[in-house]
């Protein structure tokens, strides 16, 4: 064991490989990011990736991270990377789902895979091939790599209890994308409210519920000061996949060694965050319950069943409108079925952050 430890230490202290050393000029990739690097789980992995690439390249490769809104708005990242006005971007594909419907399937979607299944699909299934194929078919000139897991979202913050599917009718909820369409199927009204305005929206009674980010990030937004009920699991997004996009010409212009460093670093961060995120979100829920007196409740079985049925209808509609959406979803579900038969249950009910065991918290109040 001691010899192995010394060998590991020696490898860590070695300089960059000769192949990288041969690339004498430092390569800098200007990289706007969707989430600020101060945000646990969602933004921090970008900073970790940049540091790892710099270390492994001996300083010859640099991701010059640009915080959200620093010359590039989050929703502009894909177009700017594809057009070559920036070199790379660190994002989540849900941002592009309005123009590329299948993008949501690579980012986290209703009743979708957990992180482990996503990783296995990327590495041993058709995931990575279909991911690149999606952007190629859309005519977007980017090279894509899944690069981190941001964690499972909670099921949302609620100003009133949801006991039956009928309680969703007329609910005014801040929720977007495929999850919003599912809620609409059950009679909810989706409301567009910026994340920074949610506390005020709850105070004024403009909304009854809201989904935002993961519990670890939600707690930083201060919603617990006005809302005291969270439902789990986050059926609408059981995992968040973060991607590294690099302009295709820029990627092709890198040496094989440089591409290997970037790909290897993404693989490392993907594995590291897979192991960290469940605990990060569970700890955040535990703090919300114990320190902020937020009640963490599980969705009633019949409500979750109704949401799943509605998702089946939404997915069918989406697949009929976009063949690639159906192609990707069918492939994911076949892979999940095989994984489930081999290793047991997998899905949002099994992968949501654990409900903290704490003393009964106050009932929901606006």
Protein backbone atom coordinates (compact mmCIF):
# COMPACT_ATOMS: atom_id res chain seq x y z
CA UNK A 1 0.00 0.00 0.00
CA UNK A 2 2.80 2.41 0.90
CA UNK A 3 4.53 1.74 -2.41
CA UNK A 4 1.30 2.38 -4.31
CA UNK A 5 0.76 5.67 -2.46
CA UNK A 6 4.31 6.79 -3.29
CA UNK A 7 3.80 5.86 -6.94
CA UNK A 8 0.55 7.87 -7.05
CA UNK A 9 2.26 10.87 -5.46
CA UNK A 10 5.13 10.64 -7.94
CA UNK A 11 2.71 10.61 -10.89
CA UNK A 12 0.87 13.62 -9.50
CA UNK A 13 4.12 15.59 -9.32
CA UNK A 14 5.24 14.77 -12.85
CA UNK A 15 5.22 17.65 -15.39
CA UNK A 16 2.81 17.73 -18.31
CA UNK A 17 3.28 15.10 -21.00
CA UNK A 18 5.87 15.71 -23.74
CA UNK A 19 3.06 15.91 -26.28
CA UNK A 20 1.57 18.86 -24.42
CA UNK A 21 4.95 20.40 -23.79
CA UNK A 22 5.46 20.39 -27.56
CA UNK A 23 2.44 22.72 -27.86
CA UNK A 24 4.56 25.65 -26.74
CA UNK A 25 1.94 28.42 -26.93
CA UNK A 26 -0.74 28.55 -24.27
CA UNK A 27 -4.19 27.84 -25.69
CA UNK A 28 -6.95 29.88 -24.05
CA UNK A 29 -10.59 28.98 -24.55
CA UNK A 30 -12.99 31.80 -23.68
CA UNK A 31 -15.79 29.95 -21.90
CA UNK A 32 -19.00 31.66 -20.71
CA UNK A 33 -20.97 29.63 -18.18
CA UNK A 34 -24.67 29.29 -17.39
CA UNK A 35 -24.40 29.19 -13.57
CA UNK A 36 -22.14 31.32 -11.40
CA UNK A 37 -19.15 29.46 -9.99
CA UNK A 38 -20.30 30.38 -6.46
CA UNK A 39 -23.33 28.09 -6.76
CA UNK A 40 -22.80 24.68 -5.15
CA UNK A 41 -23.23 21.77 -7.54
CA UNK A 42 -24.36 23.81 -10.55
CA UNK A 43 -21.63 26.41 -11.01
CA UNK A 44 -18.73 25.14 -8.93
CA UNK A 45 -17.94 22.22 -11.28
CA UNK A 46 -16.99 24.67 -14.05
CA UNK A 47 -14.31 26.20 -11.82
CA UNK A 48 -13.10 22.74 -10.85
CA UNK A 49 -12.92 21.70 -14.50
CA UNK A 50 -10.90 24.77 -15.46
CA UNK A 51 -8.45 24.13 -12.63
CA UNK A 52 -8.05 20.46 -13.55
CA UNK A 53 -7.44 21.19 -17.24
CA UNK A 54 -4.82 23.78 -16.35
CA UNK A 55 -3.01 21.40 -14.00
CA UNK A 56 -3.12 18.40 -16.33
CA UNK A 57 -1.91 20.46 -19.28
CA UNK A 58 0.91 22.04 -17.33
CA UNK A 59 -0.67 25.43 -17.93
CA UNK A 60 -0.75 25.09 -21.71
CA UNK A 61 -4.58 24.84 -21.81
CA UNK A 62 -6.74 27.43 -20.07
CA UNK A 63 -10.51 27.74 -19.81
CA UNK A 64 -11.10 31.46 -19.36
CA UNK A 65 -14.44 31.26 -17.54
CA UNK A 66 -16.88 34.14 -17.96
CA UNK A 67 -19.54 34.40 -15.27
CA UNK A 68 -23.22 34.62 -16.35
CA UNK A 69 -23.96 37.89 -18.11
CA UNK A 70 -20.28 38.79 -18.48
CA UNK A 71 -20.55 39.74 -22.18
CA UNK A 72 -22.63 36.61 -22.86
CA UNK A 73 -26.08 35.85 -21.48
CA UNK A 74 -26.70 32.19 -20.55
CA UNK A 75 -29.28 31.72 -23.30
CA UNK A 76 -26.78 33.00 -25.89
CA UNK A 77 -24.06 30.46 -25.17
CA UNK A 78 -24.98 27.80 -27.72
CA UNK A 79 -25.30 30.26 -30.61
CA UNK A 80 -22.09 32.05 -29.70
CA UNK A 81 -20.08 28.85 -29.38
CA UNK A 82 -21.54 27.45 -32.61
CA UNK A 83 -20.86 30.72 -34.42
CA UNK A 84 -17.32 30.97 -33.11
CA UNK A 85 -17.62 34.30 -31.31
CA UNK A 86 -16.61 32.45 -28.13
CA UNK A 87 -14.52 29.29 -27.98
CA UNK A 88 -16.51 27.19 -25.53
CA UNK A 89 -19.39 27.16 -23.06
CA UNK A 90 -20.32 25.33 -19.86
CA UNK A 91 -24.07 24.91 -19.71
CA UNK A 92 -27.02 22.55 -19.50
CA UNK A 93 -28.86 21.59 -22.67
CA UNK A 94 -32.28 22.45 -21.23
CA UNK A 95 -31.50 26.02 -22.23
CA UNK A 96 -31.75 25.07 -25.90
CA UNK A 97 -34.86 22.86 -25.70
CA UNK A 98 -37.13 25.49 -27.26
CA UNK A 99 -35.18 25.28 -30.54
CA UNK A 100 -33.86 21.69 -30.22
CA UNK A 101 -36.56 19.66 -28.42
CA UNK A 102 -34.36 16.60 -27.79
CA UNK A 103 -31.88 18.76 -25.85
CA UNK A 104 -33.97 18.37 -22.70
CA UNK A 105 -33.41 14.62 -22.78
CA UNK A 106 -29.67 15.13 -22.35
CA UNK A 107 -30.05 17.55 -19.46
CA UNK A 108 -32.65 16.00 -17.14
CA UNK A 109 -36.36 15.48 -17.87
CA UNK A 110 -39.57 14.28 -16.16
CA UNK A 111 -39.18 10.81 -14.67
CA UNK A 112 -35.82 10.55 -16.40
CA UNK A 113 -32.62 8.69 -15.47
CA UNK A 114 -30.55 9.14 -12.34
CA UNK A 115 -26.93 10.22 -12.65
CA UNK A 116 -25.46 6.73 -12.71
CA UNK A 117 -27.76 5.63 -15.52
CA UNK A 118 -26.97 8.78 -17.49
CA UNK A 119 -23.25 8.19 -17.08
CA UNK A 120 -23.54 4.55 -18.13
CA UNK A 121 -25.68 5.53 -21.13
CA UNK A 122 -23.06 8.07 -22.17
CA UNK A 123 -20.16 5.65 -21.70
CA UNK A 124 -21.50 2.23 -22.70
CA UNK A 125 -24.70 3.02 -24.59
CA UNK A 126 -25.58 5.38 -27.43
CA UNK A 127 -25.76 8.50 -25.27
CA UNK A 128 -22.59 10.31 -26.34
CA UNK A 129 -23.12 9.48 -30.02
CA UNK A 130 -26.73 10.72 -29.97
CA UNK A 131 -25.70 13.82 -28.00
CA UNK A 132 -23.26 14.88 -30.72
CA UNK A 133 -25.65 13.79 -33.46
CA UNK A 134 -28.34 16.07 -32.04
CA UNK A 135 -26.20 19.18 -32.45
CA UNK A 136 -24.94 18.03 -35.85
CA UNK A 137 -28.49 17.51 -37.13
CA UNK A 138 -29.43 20.97 -35.84
CA UNK A 139 -26.55 22.47 -37.82
CA UNK A 140 -24.82 23.78 -34.69
CA UNK A 141 -21.04 23.66 -35.07
CA UNK A 142 -20.06 22.42 -31.62
CA UNK A 143 -18.32 19.45 -30.06
CA UNK A 144 -20.18 18.38 -26.90
CA UNK A 145 -19.14 16.41 -23.81
CA UNK A 146 -21.21 15.62 -20.72
CA UNK A 147 -18.98 17.12 -18.06
CA UNK A 148 -20.66 17.19 -14.63
CA UNK A 149 -23.77 16.29 -12.69
CA UNK A 150 -25.57 19.13 -10.95
CA UNK A 151 -27.89 16.94 -8.87
CA UNK A 152 -31.58 16.20 -8.51
CA UNK A 153 -34.01 19.05 -8.11
CA UNK A 154 -36.69 18.96 -5.44
CA UNK A 155 -40.32 18.78 -6.50
CA UNK A 156 -40.87 22.47 -5.83
CA UNK A 157 -41.79 24.98 -3.12
CA UNK A 158 -45.49 25.16 -2.26
CA UNK A 159 -47.63 27.64 -0.34
CA UNK A 160 -50.34 25.01 0.09
CA UNK A 161 -50.55 21.26 0.39
CA UNK A 162 -51.10 19.00 -2.59
CA UNK A 163 -53.09 16.01 -1.34
CA UNK A 164 -54.74 14.80 -4.56
CA UNK A 165 -54.33 15.44 -8.29
CA UNK A 166 -57.34 17.79 -8.08
CA UNK A 167 -55.29 20.15 -5.90
CA UNK A 168 -53.11 20.90 -8.92
CA UNK A 169 -56.05 22.35 -10.86
CA UNK A 170 -55.78 26.12 -10.87
CA UNK A 171 -52.37 26.06 -9.16
CA UNK A 172 -50.23 29.00 -10.25
CA UNK A 173 -46.72 27.59 -10.51
CA UNK A 174 -43.43 28.90 -11.73
CA UNK A 175 -42.16 25.96 -13.78
CA UNK A 176 -40.73 25.69 -17.28
CA UNK A 177 -40.16 23.25 -20.09
CA UNK A 178 -41.42 19.68 -20.13
CA UNK A 179 -42.22 19.77 -16.43
CA UNK A 180 -44.41 22.82 -17.00
CA UNK A 181 -46.28 21.02 -19.76
CA UNK A 182 -46.93 18.10 -17.42
CA UNK A 183 -48.31 20.39 -14.73
CA UNK A 184 -50.48 22.12 -17.34
CA UNK A 185 -51.94 18.75 -18.33
CA UNK A 186 -53.20 18.42 -14.75
CA UNK A 187 -54.74 21.88 -14.75
CA UNK A 188 -51.99 24.10 -13.36
CA UNK A 189 -51.27 27.55 -14.75
CA UNK A 190 -47.57 28.04 -15.44
CA UNK A 191 -46.28 31.50 -14.56
CA UNK A 192 -43.09 33.12 -15.84
CA UNK A 193 -41.26 34.64 -12.87
CA UNK A 194 -37.49 35.35 -12.78
CA UNK A 195 -35.69 33.38 -10.09
CA UNK A 196 -34.67 36.55 -8.27
CA UNK A 197 -38.30 37.67 -7.97
CA UNK A 198 -39.76 34.51 -6.44
CA UNK A 199 -39.77 35.66 -2.81
CA UNK A 200 -41.71 38.79 -3.77
CA UNK A 201 -44.08 36.76 -5.98
CA UNK A 202 -44.91 34.47 -3.05
CA UNK A 203 -45.32 37.48 -0.75
CA UNK A 204 -47.81 39.12 -3.12
CA UNK A 205 -49.70 35.87 -3.73
CA UNK A 206 -48.90 35.94 -7.45
CA UNK A 207 -47.85 32.29 -7.35
CA UNK A 208 -48.76 29.25 -5.26
CA UNK A 209 -45.70 27.16 -6.07
CA UNK A 210 -42.33 27.30 -7.79
CA UNK A 211 -39.48 25.08 -8.90
CA UNK A 212 -36.10 26.72 -9.08
CA UNK A 213 -32.84 24.78 -8.87
CA UNK A 214 -31.48 22.04 -6.64
CA UNK A 215 -32.05 22.22 -2.85
CA UNK A 216 -28.43 23.30 -2.24
CA UNK A 217 -28.86 26.29 -4.57
CA UNK A 218 -32.48 27.01 -3.60
CA UNK A 219 -31.44 27.54 0.01
CA UNK A 220 -29.12 30.34 -1.09
CA UNK A 221 -32.01 32.13 -2.81
CA UNK A 222 -33.87 32.66 0.50
CA UNK A 223 -37.22 31.10 -0.41
CA UNK A 224 -37.33 29.42 2.99
CA UNK A 225 -38.05 32.80 4.55
CA UNK A 226 -41.53 32.85 2.98
CA UNK A 227 -42.39 29.27 1.98
CA UNK A 228 -42.34 26.31 4.34
CA UNK A 229 -43.21 23.28 2.22
CA UNK A 230 -41.12 21.33 -0.29
CA UNK A 231 -42.24 18.18 -2.07
CA UNK A 232 -39.87 15.38 -3.07
CA UNK A 233 -38.86 13.72 -5.31
CA UNK A 234 -38.15 16.18 -8.10
CA UNK A 235 -40.01 14.15 -10.70
CA UNK A 236 -39.59 16.89 -13.31
CA UNK A 237 -35.76 16.72 -13.16
CA UNK A 238 -34.29 13.76 -11.26
CA UNK A 239 -30.80 14.75 -12.45
CA UNK A 240 -29.08 17.77 -13.96
CA UNK A 241 -26.44 17.09 -16.62
CA UNK A 242 -23.93 19.86 -17.34
CA UNK A 243 -22.19 19.99 -20.71
CA UNK A 244 -18.99 21.41 -22.11
CA UNK A 245 -19.47 22.83 -25.62
CA UNK A 246 -16.48 23.71 -27.80
CA UNK A 247 -16.68 25.33 -31.21
CA UNK A 248 -16.09 22.52 -33.70
CA UNK A 249 -13.36 24.30 -35.68
CA UNK A 250 -11.65 25.22 -32.42
CA UNK A 251 -11.90 21.60 -31.23
CA UNK A 252 -10.53 20.22 -34.49
CA UNK A 253 -7.66 22.69 -34.29
CA UNK A 254 -6.49 21.32 -30.94
CA UNK A 255 -3.83 18.64 -30.85
CA UNK A 256 -4.80 15.06 -29.98
CA UNK A 257 -3.06 15.49 -26.61
CA UNK A 258 -5.01 18.65 -25.84
CA UNK A 259 -8.31 17.01 -26.76
CA UNK A 260 -7.37 14.07 -24.54
CA UNK A 261 -6.73 16.35 -21.57
CA UNK A 262 -10.12 18.05 -21.95
CA UNK A 263 -11.99 14.78 -22.43
CA UNK A 264 -10.21 13.16 -19.50
CA UNK A 265 -10.93 16.13 -17.23
CA UNK A 266 -14.62 16.04 -18.14
CA UNK A 267 -14.70 12.32 -17.36
CA UNK A 268 -13.09 12.94 -13.96
CA UNK A 269 -15.49 15.74 -13.02
CA UNK A 270 -18.45 13.66 -14.20
CA UNK A 271 -17.44 10.81 -11.89
CA UNK A 272 -16.60 13.10 -8.96
CA UNK A 273 -19.88 14.98 -9.09
CA UNK A 274 -21.84 11.75 -9.47
CA UNK A 275 -20.44 10.67 -6.12
CA UNK A 276 -21.00 14.04 -4.42
CA UNK A 277 -24.34 15.38 -5.56
CA UNK A 278 -26.75 13.05 -3.72
CA UNK A 279 -25.15 13.93 -0.38
CA UNK A 280 -24.99 17.64 -1.22
CA UNK A 281 -28.73 17.78 -1.94
CA UNK A 282 -29.69 15.54 0.99
CA UNK A 283 -27.65 17.73 3.36
CA UNK A 284 -29.33 20.85 1.96
CA UNK A 285 -32.80 19.37 2.56
CA UNK A 286 -31.77 18.38 6.08
CA UNK A 287 -30.63 21.95 6.79
CA UNK A 288 -33.85 23.38 5.36
CA UNK A 289 -35.84 21.11 7.68
CA UNK A 290 -33.75 21.49 10.84
CA UNK A 291 -32.55 25.08 10.58
CA UNK A 292 -35.23 26.77 8.49
CA UNK A 293 -38.26 24.75 9.70
CA UNK A 294 -39.25 23.83 6.16
CA UNK A 295 -41.46 20.78 5.89
CA UNK A 296 -40.07 18.20 3.45
CA UNK A 297 -42.99 16.06 2.27
CA UNK A 298 -43.20 13.17 -0.16
CA UNK A 299 -45.60 13.43 -3.07
CA UNK A 300 -48.78 11.43 -2.44
CA UNK A 301 -48.73 8.23 -4.47
CA UNK A 302 -51.80 9.11 -6.57
CA UNK A 303 -50.40 12.57 -7.36
CA UNK A 304 -47.10 11.10 -8.54
CA UNK A 305 -49.01 8.53 -10.61
CA UNK A 306 -51.07 11.28 -12.25
CA UNK A 307 -47.92 13.24 -13.04
CA UNK A 308 -46.34 10.17 -14.61
CA UNK A 309 -49.42 9.56 -16.76
CA UNK A 310 -49.40 13.18 -17.89
CA UNK A 311 -45.69 12.90 -18.74
CA UNK A 312 -46.42 9.87 -20.93
CA UNK A 313 -48.90 11.98 -22.89
CA UNK A 314 -46.50 14.92 -23.19
CA UNK A 315 -43.65 12.65 -24.33
CA UNK A 316 -45.90 11.04 -26.94
CA UNK A 317 -46.96 14.45 -28.27
CA UNK A 318 -43.35 15.65 -28.39
CA UNK A 319 -42.17 12.51 -30.15
CA UNK A 320 -44.86 12.86 -32.82
CA UNK A 321 -43.66 16.39 -33.56
CA UNK A 322 -39.92 15.68 -33.49
CA UNK A 323 -38.54 12.33 -34.69
CA UNK A 324 -35.15 12.85 -33.03
CA UNK A 325 -36.83 13.43 -29.65
CA UNK A 326 -38.56 10.06 -30.04
CA UNK A 327 -35.34 8.39 -31.20
CA UNK A 328 -33.43 9.59 -28.15
CA UNK A 329 -36.20 8.89 -25.64
CA UNK A 330 -36.74 5.37 -26.99
CA UNK A 331 -33.01 4.70 -26.73
CA UNK A 332 -32.83 5.97 -23.15
CA UNK A 333 -35.81 3.90 -22.08
CA UNK A 334 -34.43 0.73 -23.66
CA UNK A 335 -31.13 1.31 -21.88
CA UNK A 336 -32.89 1.96 -18.57
CA UNK A 337 -34.99 -1.17 -18.90
CA UNK A 338 -31.86 -3.25 -19.44
CA UNK A 339 -30.10 -1.57 -16.50
CA UNK A 340 -33.12 -2.08 -14.26
CA UNK A 341 -33.35 -5.78 -15.05
CA UNK A 342 -29.64 -6.14 -14.29
CA UNK A 343 -29.38 -4.14 -11.07
CA UNK A 344 -32.78 -3.35 -9.59
CA UNK A 345 -34.94 -0.24 -9.46
CA UNK A 346 -33.87 3.04 -10.95
CA UNK A 347 -35.87 6.22 -11.30
CA UNK A 348 -36.78 9.46 -9.54
CA UNK A 349 -38.44 7.70 -6.61
CA UNK A 350 -35.21 5.85 -5.94
CA UNK A 351 -32.77 8.67 -6.68
CA UNK A 352 -34.33 11.73 -5.05
CA UNK A 353 -32.50 13.29 -2.10
CA UNK A 354 -33.48 11.49 1.07
CA UNK A 355 -36.26 13.06 3.11
CA UNK A 356 -34.67 14.29 6.34
CA UNK A 357 -35.87 12.63 9.51
CA UNK A 358 -36.62 15.57 11.75
CA UNK A 359 -39.19 16.79 14.20
CA UNK A 360 -42.49 17.82 12.57
CA UNK A 361 -42.08 21.23 10.98
CA UNK A 362 -44.79 23.88 10.71
CA UNK A 363 -47.42 23.46 8.04
CA UNK A 364 -47.03 25.42 4.84
CA UNK A 365 -47.57 29.16 5.13
CA UNK A 366 -47.36 31.78 2.39
